[in-house]
Amino acid sequence: MPRRLKLSPLQRDILMTLEEAGAETVGTVVATLKPSHGDFTVQVDQLVTLGLIRRDGDSIVLTEQGKTALTS
């Protein structure tokens, strides 16, 4: 049974934004969510570490694991 992840509201917003698009540039996600720059970077790095998103050049991409995390 998968364990529930405790995501911050910003992390959940990032995942939900990517769920709609699949992938977005970092600038587009920042413009959509309007977080503080430092907080956004930390939150994205944590999501990458968890394997829920990956960086692809200037874009961030939702992984299959990230899609699963949104439904659990």
PDB file of N, CA and C in Angstrom:
ATOM      1  N   MET A   1       0.848  -1.184   0.000  1.00  0.00           N
ATOM      2  CA  MET A   1       0.000   0.000   0.000  1.00  0.00           C
ATOM      3  C   MET A   1       0.891   1.244   0.000  1.00  0.00           C
ATOM      4  N   PRO A   2       0.699   2.164  -0.950  1.00  0.00           N
ATOM      5  CA  PRO A   2       1.539   3.360  -0.990  1.00  0.00           C
ATOM      6  C   PRO A   2       1.295   4.252   0.216  1.00  0.00           C
ATOM      7  N   ARG A   3       2.363   4.852   0.670  1.00  0.00           N
ATOM      8  CA  ARG A   3       2.231   5.746   1.818  1.00  0.00           C
ATOM      9  C   ARG A   3       1.856   7.131   1.323  1.00  0.00           C
ATOM     10  N   ARG A   4       0.999   7.792   2.080  1.00  0.00           N
ATOM     11  CA  ARG A   4       0.579   9.162   1.722  1.00  0.00           C
ATOM     12  C   ARG A   4       1.721  10.125   1.968  1.00  0.00           C
ATOM     13  N   LEU A   5       1.936  10.971   1.000  1.00  0.00           N
ATOM     14  CA  LEU A   5       2.961  11.995   1.137  1.00  0.00           C
ATOM     15  C   LEU A   5       2.353  13.251   1.745  1.00  0.00           C
ATOM     16  N   LYS A   6       3.110  13.879   2.607  1.00  0.00           N
ATOM     17  CA  LYS A   6       2.669  15.162   3.154  1.00  0.00           C
ATOM     18  C   LYS A   6       3.300  16.244   2.299  1.00  0.00           C
ATOM     19  N   LEU A   7       2.486  16.825   1.436  1.00  0.00           N
ATOM     20  CA  LEU A   7       2.951  17.881   0.561  1.00  0.00           C
ATOM     21  C   LEU A   7       2.476  19.226   1.079  1.00  0.00           C
ATOM     22  N   SER A   8       3.295  20.231   0.873  1.00  0.00           N
ATOM     23  CA  SER A   8       2.884  21.583   1.246  1.00  0.00           C
ATOM     24  C   SER A   8       1.829  22.062   0.250  1.00  0.00           C
ATOM     25  N   PRO A   9       1.072  23.076   0.607  1.00  0.00           N
ATOM     26  CA  PRO A   9       0.089  23.614  -0.345  1.00  0.00           C
ATOM     27  C   PRO A   9       0.739  24.038  -1.671  1.00  0.00           C
ATOM     28  N   LEU A  10       1.935  24.632  -1.600  1.00  0.00           N
ATOM     29  CA  LEU A  10       2.613  25.047  -2.826  1.00  0.00           C
ATOM     30  C   LEU A  10       3.025  23.829  -3.654  1.00  0.00           C
ATOM     31  N   GLN A  11       3.517  22.783  -3.003  1.00  0.00           N
ATOM     32  CA  GLN A  11       3.889  21.571  -3.735  1.00  0.00           C
ATOM     33  C   GLN A  11       2.676  20.960  -4.434  1.00  0.00           C
ATOM     34  N   ARG A  12       1.558  20.914  -3.742  1.00  0.00           N
ATOM     35  CA  ARG A  12       0.336  20.371  -4.348  1.00  0.00           C
ATOM     36  C   ARG A  12      -0.092  21.250  -5.536  1.00  0.00           C
ATOM     37  N   ASP A  13       0.007  22.568  -5.384  1.00  0.00           N
ATOM     38  CA  ASP A  13      -0.336  23.475  -6.484  1.00  0.00           C
ATOM     39  C   ASP A  13       0.576  23.260  -7.688  1.00  0.00           C
ATOM     40  N   ILE A  14       1.860  23.049  -7.432  1.00  0.00           N
ATOM     41  CA  ILE A  14       2.798  22.784  -8.527  1.00  0.00           C
ATOM     42  C   ILE A  14       2.402  21.514  -9.258  1.00  0.00           C
ATOM     43  N   LEU A  15       2.122  20.454  -8.503  1.00  0.00           N
ATOM     44  CA  LEU A  15       1.731  19.185  -9.126  1.00  0.00           C
ATOM     45  C   LEU A  15       0.430  19.326  -9.908  1.00  0.00           C
ATOM     46  N   MET A  16      -0.537  20.046  -9.352  1.00  0.00           N
ATOM     47  CA  MET A  16      -1.816  20.206 -10.039  1.00  0.00           C
ATOM     48  C   MET A  16      -1.654  21.036 -11.313  1.00  0.00           C
ATOM     49  N   THR A  17      -0.787  22.040 -11.276  1.00  0.00           N
ATOM     50  CA  THR A  17      -0.515  22.837 -12.475  1.00  0.00           C
ATOM     51  C   THR A  17       0.115  21.969 -13.553  1.00  0.00           C
ATOM     52  N   LEU A  18       1.045  21.126 -13.156  1.00  0.00           N
ATOM     53  CA  LEU A  18       1.696  20.243 -14.120  1.00  0.00           C
ATOM     54  C   LEU A  18       0.768  19.134 -14.605  1.00  0.00           C
ATOM     55  N   GLU A  19      -0.173  18.723 -13.763  1.00  0.00           N
ATOM     56  CA  GLU A  19      -1.117  17.684 -14.168  1.00  0.00           C
ATOM     57  C   GLU A  19      -1.926  18.148 -15.383  1.00  0.00           C
ATOM     58  N   GLU A  20      -2.312  19.400 -15.390  1.00  0.00           N
ATOM     59  CA  GLU A  20      -3.092  19.930 -16.502  1.00  0.00           C
ATOM     60  C   GLU A  20      -2.282  19.995 -17.782  1.00  0.00           C
ATOM     61  N   ALA A  21      -0.993  20.340 -17.664  1.00  0.00           N
ATOM     62  CA  ALA A  21      -0.183  20.578 -18.856  1.00  0.00           C
ATOM     63  C   ALA A  21       0.799  19.440 -19.165  1.00  0.00           C
ATOM     64  N   GLY A  22       1.149  18.649 -18.165  1.00  0.00           N
ATOM     65  CA  GLY A  22       2.159  17.615 -18.346  1.00  0.00           C
ATOM     66  C   GLY A  22       3.555  18.154 -18.102  1.00  0.00           C
ATOM     67  N   ALA A  23       3.857  19.301 -18.702  1.00  0.00           N
ATOM     68  CA  ALA A  23       5.150  19.961 -18.514  1.00  0.00           C
ATOM     69  C   ALA A  23       4.954  21.452 -18.753  1.00  0.00           C
ATOM     70  N   GLU A  24       5.704  22.237 -18.032  1.00  0.00           N
ATOM     71  CA  GLU A  24       5.663  23.695 -18.170  1.00  0.00           C
ATOM     72  C   GLU A  24       7.057  24.227 -17.913  1.00  0.00           C
ATOM     73  N   THR A  25       7.324  25.407 -18.436  1.00  0.00           N
ATOM     74  CA  THR A  25       8.579  26.057 -18.082  1.00  0.00           C
ATOM     75  C   THR A  25       8.466  26.550 -16.647  1.00  0.00           C
ATOM     76  N   VAL A  26       9.601  26.700 -16.018  1.00  0.00           N
ATOM     77  CA  VAL A  26       9.620  27.194 -14.641  1.00  0.00           C
ATOM     78  C   VAL A  26       8.949  28.565 -14.581  1.00  0.00           C
ATOM     79  N   GLY A  27       9.241  29.413 -15.546  1.00  0.00           N
ATOM     80  CA  GLY A  27       8.657  30.759 -15.569  1.00  0.00           C
ATOM     81  C   GLY A  27       7.149  30.750 -15.640  1.00  0.00           C
ATOM     82  N   THR A  28       6.581  29.836 -16.412  1.00  0.00           N
ATOM     83  CA  THR A  28       5.127  29.746 -16.530  1.00  0.00           C
ATOM     84  C   THR A  28       4.500  29.309 -15.213  1.00  0.00           C
ATOM     85  N   VAL A  29       5.113  28.331 -14.543  1.00  0.00           N
ATOM     86  CA  VAL A  29       4.576  27.866 -13.257  1.00  0.00           C
ATOM     87  C   VAL A  29       4.671  28.979 -12.222  1.00  0.00           C
ATOM     88  N   VAL A  30       5.782  29.692 -12.197  1.00  0.00           N
ATOM     89  CA  VAL A  30       5.942  30.807 -11.251  1.00  0.00           C
ATOM     90  C   VAL A  30       4.895  31.880 -11.534  1.00  0.00           C
ATOM     91  N   ALA A  31       4.693  32.208 -12.808  1.00  0.00           N
ATOM     92  CA  ALA A  31       3.707  33.237 -13.162  1.00  0.00           C
ATOM     93  C   ALA A  31       2.295  32.798 -12.791  1.00  0.00           C
ATOM     94  N   THR A  32       2.011  31.519 -12.899  1.00  0.00           N
ATOM     95  CA  THR A  32       0.680  30.997 -12.574  1.00  0.00           C
ATOM     96  C   THR A  32       0.437  31.016 -11.068  1.00  0.00           C
ATOM     97  N   LEU A  33       1.420  30.577 -10.288  1.00  0.00           N
ATOM     98  CA  LEU A  33       1.230  30.413  -8.843  1.00  0.00           C
ATOM     99  C   LEU A  33       1.656  31.622  -8.020  1.00  0.00           C
ATOM    100  N   LYS A  34       2.549  32.448  -8.559  1.00  0.00           N
ATOM    101  CA  LYS A  34       3.049  33.655  -7.890  1.00  0.00           C
ATOM    102  C   LYS A  34       3.630  33.401  -6.490  1.00  0.00           C
ATOM    103  N   PRO A  35       4.490  32.368  -6.344  1.00  0.00           N
ATOM    104  CA  PRO A  35       5.122  32.125  -5.046  1.00  0.00           C
ATOM    105  C   PRO A  35       6.350  33.012  -4.872  1.00  0.00           C
ATOM    106  N   SER A  36       6.881  33.065  -3.648  1.00  0.00           N
ATOM    107  CA  SER A  36       8.162  33.752  -3.461  1.00  0.00           C
ATOM    108  C   SER A  36       9.238  32.893  -4.123  1.00  0.00           C
ATOM    109  N   HIS A  37      10.240  33.532  -4.713  1.00  0.00           N
ATOM    110  CA  HIS A  37      11.233  32.815  -5.511  1.00  0.00           C
ATOM    111  C   HIS A  37      11.965  31.743  -4.706  1.00  0.00           C
ATOM    112  N   GLY A  38      12.468  32.096  -3.524  1.00  0.00           N
ATOM    113  CA  GLY A  38      13.218  31.148  -2.710  1.00  0.00           C
ATOM    114  C   GLY A  38      12.387  29.957  -2.295  1.00  0.00           C
ATOM    115  N   ASP A  39      11.152  30.213  -1.893  1.00  0.00           N
ATOM    116  CA  ASP A  39      10.266  29.133  -1.473  1.00  0.00           C
ATOM    117  C   ASP A  39       9.966  28.206  -2.645  1.00  0.00           C
ATOM    118  N   PHE A  40       9.734  28.759  -3.813  1.00  0.00           N
ATOM    119  CA  PHE A  40       9.431  27.963  -4.996  1.00  0.00           C
ATOM    120  C   PHE A  40      10.591  27.023  -5.319  1.00  0.00           C
ATOM    121  N   THR A  41      11.807  27.551  -5.294  1.00  0.00           N
ATOM    122  CA  THR A  41      12.980  26.740  -5.611  1.00  0.00           C
ATOM    123  C   THR A  41      13.126  25.579  -4.642  1.00  0.00           C
ATOM    124  N   VAL A  42      12.959  25.845  -3.357  1.00  0.00           N
ATOM    125  CA  VAL A  42      13.064  24.795  -2.336  1.00  0.00           C
ATOM    126  C   VAL A  42      11.989  23.735  -2.555  1.00  0.00           C
ATOM    127  N   GLN A  43      10.770  24.168  -2.813  1.00  0.00           N
ATOM    128  CA  GLN A  43       9.660  23.229  -2.994  1.00  0.00           C
ATOM    129  C   GLN A  43       9.863  22.364  -4.237  1.00  0.00           C
ATOM    130  N   VAL A  44      10.325  22.968  -5.325  1.00  0.00           N
ATOM    131  CA  VAL A  44      10.591  22.206  -6.553  1.00  0.00           C
ATOM    132  C   VAL A  44      11.705  21.196  -6.298  1.00  0.00           C
ATOM    133  N   ASP A  45      12.759  21.615  -5.631  1.00  0.00           N
ATOM    134  CA  ASP A  45      13.865  20.698  -5.340  1.00  0.00           C
ATOM    135  C   ASP A  45      13.390  19.503  -4.509  1.00  0.00           C
ATOM    136  N   GLN A  46      12.509  19.749  -3.553  1.00  0.00           N
ATOM    137  CA  GLN A  46      11.977  18.652  -2.741  1.00  0.00           C
ATOM    138  C   GLN A  46      11.128  17.700  -3.585  1.00  0.00           C
ATOM    139  N   LEU A  47      10.332  18.238  -4.506  1.00  0.00           N
ATOM    140  CA  LEU A  47       9.521  17.390  -5.386  1.00  0.00           C
ATOM    141  C   LEU A  47      10.406  16.559  -6.318  1.00  0.00           C
ATOM    142  N   VAL A  48      11.511  17.135  -6.769  1.00  0.00           N
ATOM    143  CA  VAL A  48      12.460  16.387  -7.604  1.00  0.00           C
ATOM    144  C   VAL A  48      13.067  15.254  -6.786  1.00  0.00           C
ATOM    145  N   THR A  49      13.476  15.550  -5.551  1.00  0.00           N
ATOM    146  CA  THR A  49      14.066  14.542  -4.671  1.00  0.00           C
ATOM    147  C   THR A  49      13.087  13.392  -4.419  1.00  0.00           C
ATOM    148  N   LEU A  50      11.806  13.714  -4.273  1.00  0.00           N
ATOM    149  CA  LEU A  50      10.787  12.688  -4.063  1.00  0.00           C
ATOM    150  C   LEU A  50      10.454  11.911  -5.339  1.00  0.00           C
ATOM    151  N   GLY A  51      10.931  12.406  -6.479  1.00  0.00           N
ATOM    152  CA  GLY A  51      10.664  11.734  -7.748  1.00  0.00           C
ATOM    153  C   GLY A  51       9.308  12.058  -8.339  1.00  0.00           C
ATOM    154  N   LEU A  52       8.657  13.116  -7.845  1.00  0.00           N
ATOM    155  CA  LEU A  52       7.321  13.456  -8.327  1.00  0.00           C
ATOM    156  C   LEU A  52       7.367  14.326  -9.580  1.00  0.00           C
ATOM    157  N   ILE A  53       8.459  15.066  -9.739  1.00  0.00           N
ATOM    158  CA  ILE A  53       8.676  15.848 -10.951  1.00  0.00           C
ATOM    159  C   ILE A  53      10.131  15.677 -11.340  1.00  0.00           C
ATOM    160  N   ARG A  54      10.444  16.082 -12.570  1.00  0.00           N
ATOM    161  CA  ARG A  54      11.841  16.098 -13.000  1.00  0.00           C
ATOM    162  C   ARG A  54      12.084  17.377 -13.775  1.00  0.00           C
ATOM    163  N   ARG A  55      13.320  17.802 -13.757  1.00  0.00           N
ATOM    164  CA  ARG A  55      13.710  18.977 -14.535  1.00  0.00           C
ATOM    165  C   ARG A  55      14.152  18.506 -15.908  1.00  0.00           C
ATOM    166  N   ASP A  56      13.735  19.236 -16.913  1.00  0.00           N
ATOM    167  CA  ASP A  56      14.119  18.935 -18.288  1.00  0.00           C
ATOM    168  C   ASP A  56      14.484  20.262 -18.944  1.00  0.00           C
ATOM    169  N   GLY A  57      15.738  20.651 -18.806  1.00  0.00           N
ATOM    170  CA  GLY A  57      16.156  21.973 -19.275  1.00  0.00           C
ATOM    171  C   GLY A  57      15.510  23.050 -18.425  1.00  0.00           C
ATOM    172  N   ASP A  58      14.766  23.947 -19.069  1.00  0.00           N
ATOM    173  CA  ASP A  58      14.081  25.032 -18.364  1.00  0.00           C
ATOM    174  C   ASP A  58      12.660  24.635 -17.956  1.00  0.00           C
ATOM    175  N   SER A  59      12.305  23.384 -18.180  1.00  0.00           N
ATOM    176  CA  SER A  59      10.950  22.916 -17.862  1.00  0.00           C
ATOM    177  C   SER A  59      10.967  21.982 -16.665  1.00  0.00           C
ATOM    178  N   ILE A  60       9.815  21.883 -16.032  1.00  0.00           N
ATOM    179  CA  ILE A  60       9.601  20.849 -15.024  1.00  0.00           C
ATOM    180  C   ILE A  60       8.468  19.969 -15.522  1.00  0.00           C
ATOM    181  N   VAL A  61       8.630  18.661 -15.311  1.00  0.00           N
ATOM    182  CA  VAL A  61       7.732  17.673 -15.885  1.00  0.00           C
ATOM    183  C   VAL A  61       7.187  16.787 -14.780  1.00  0.00           C
ATOM    184  N   LEU A  62       5.898  16.539 -14.809  1.00  0.00           N
ATOM    185  CA  LEU A  62       5.254  15.634 -13.857  1.00  0.00           C
ATOM    186  C   LEU A  62       5.612  14.200 -14.220  1.00  0.00           C
ATOM    187  N   THR A  63       6.076  13.416 -13.256  1.00  0.00           N
ATOM    188  CA  THR A  63       6.410  12.011 -13.495  1.00  0.00           C
ATOM    189  C   THR A  63       5.184  11.138 -13.228  1.00  0.00           C
ATOM    190  N   GLU A  64       5.278   9.885 -13.596  1.00  0.00           N
ATOM    191  CA  GLU A  64       4.191   8.940 -13.295  1.00  0.00           C
ATOM    192  C   GLU A  64       3.963   8.848 -11.790  1.00  0.00           C
ATOM    193  N   GLN A  65       5.025   8.873 -11.031  1.00  0.00           N
ATOM    194  CA  GLN A  65       4.917   8.840  -9.571  1.00  0.00           C
ATOM    195  C   GLN A  65       4.183  10.089  -9.070  1.00  0.00           C
ATOM    196  N   GLY A  66       4.430  11.215  -9.710  1.00  0.00           N
ATOM    197  CA  GLY A  66       3.736  12.458  -9.349  1.00  0.00           C
ATOM    198  C   GLY A  66       2.248  12.380  -9.641  1.00  0.00           C
ATOM    199  N   LYS A  67       1.891  11.766 -10.774  1.00  0.00           N
ATOM    200  CA  LYS A  67       0.475  11.587 -11.115  1.00  0.00           C
ATOM    201  C   LYS A  67      -0.213  10.713 -10.072  1.00  0.00           C
ATOM    202  N   THR A  68       0.484   9.660  -9.647  1.00  0.00           N
ATOM    203  CA  THR A  68      -0.061   8.761  -8.630  1.00  0.00           C
ATOM    204  C   THR A  68      -0.257   9.500  -7.304  1.00  0.00           C
ATOM    205  N   ALA A  69       0.696  10.350  -6.952  1.00  0.00           N
ATOM    206  CA  ALA A  69       0.616  11.086  -5.686  1.00  0.00           C
ATOM    207  C   ALA A  69      -0.603  12.004  -5.660  1.00  0.00           C
ATOM    208  N   LEU A  70      -0.999  12.527  -6.801  1.00  0.00           N
ATOM    209  CA  LEU A  70      -2.169  13.411  -6.852  1.00  0.00           C
ATOM    210  C   LEU A  70      -3.473  12.667  -6.612  1.00  0.00           C
ATOM    211  N   THR A  71      -3.511  11.405  -6.951  1.00  0.00           N
ATOM    212  CA  THR A  71      -4.749  10.642  -6.797  1.00  0.00           C
ATOM    213  C   THR A  71      -4.844   9.932  -5.456  1.00  0.00           C
ATOM    214  N   SER A  72      -3.745   9.903  -4.700  1.00  0.00           N
ATOM    215  CA  SER A  72      -3.815   9.204  -3.410  1.00  0.00           C
ATOM    216  C   SER A  72      -4.007  10.152  -2.261  1.00  0.00           C
TER     217      SER A  72
END
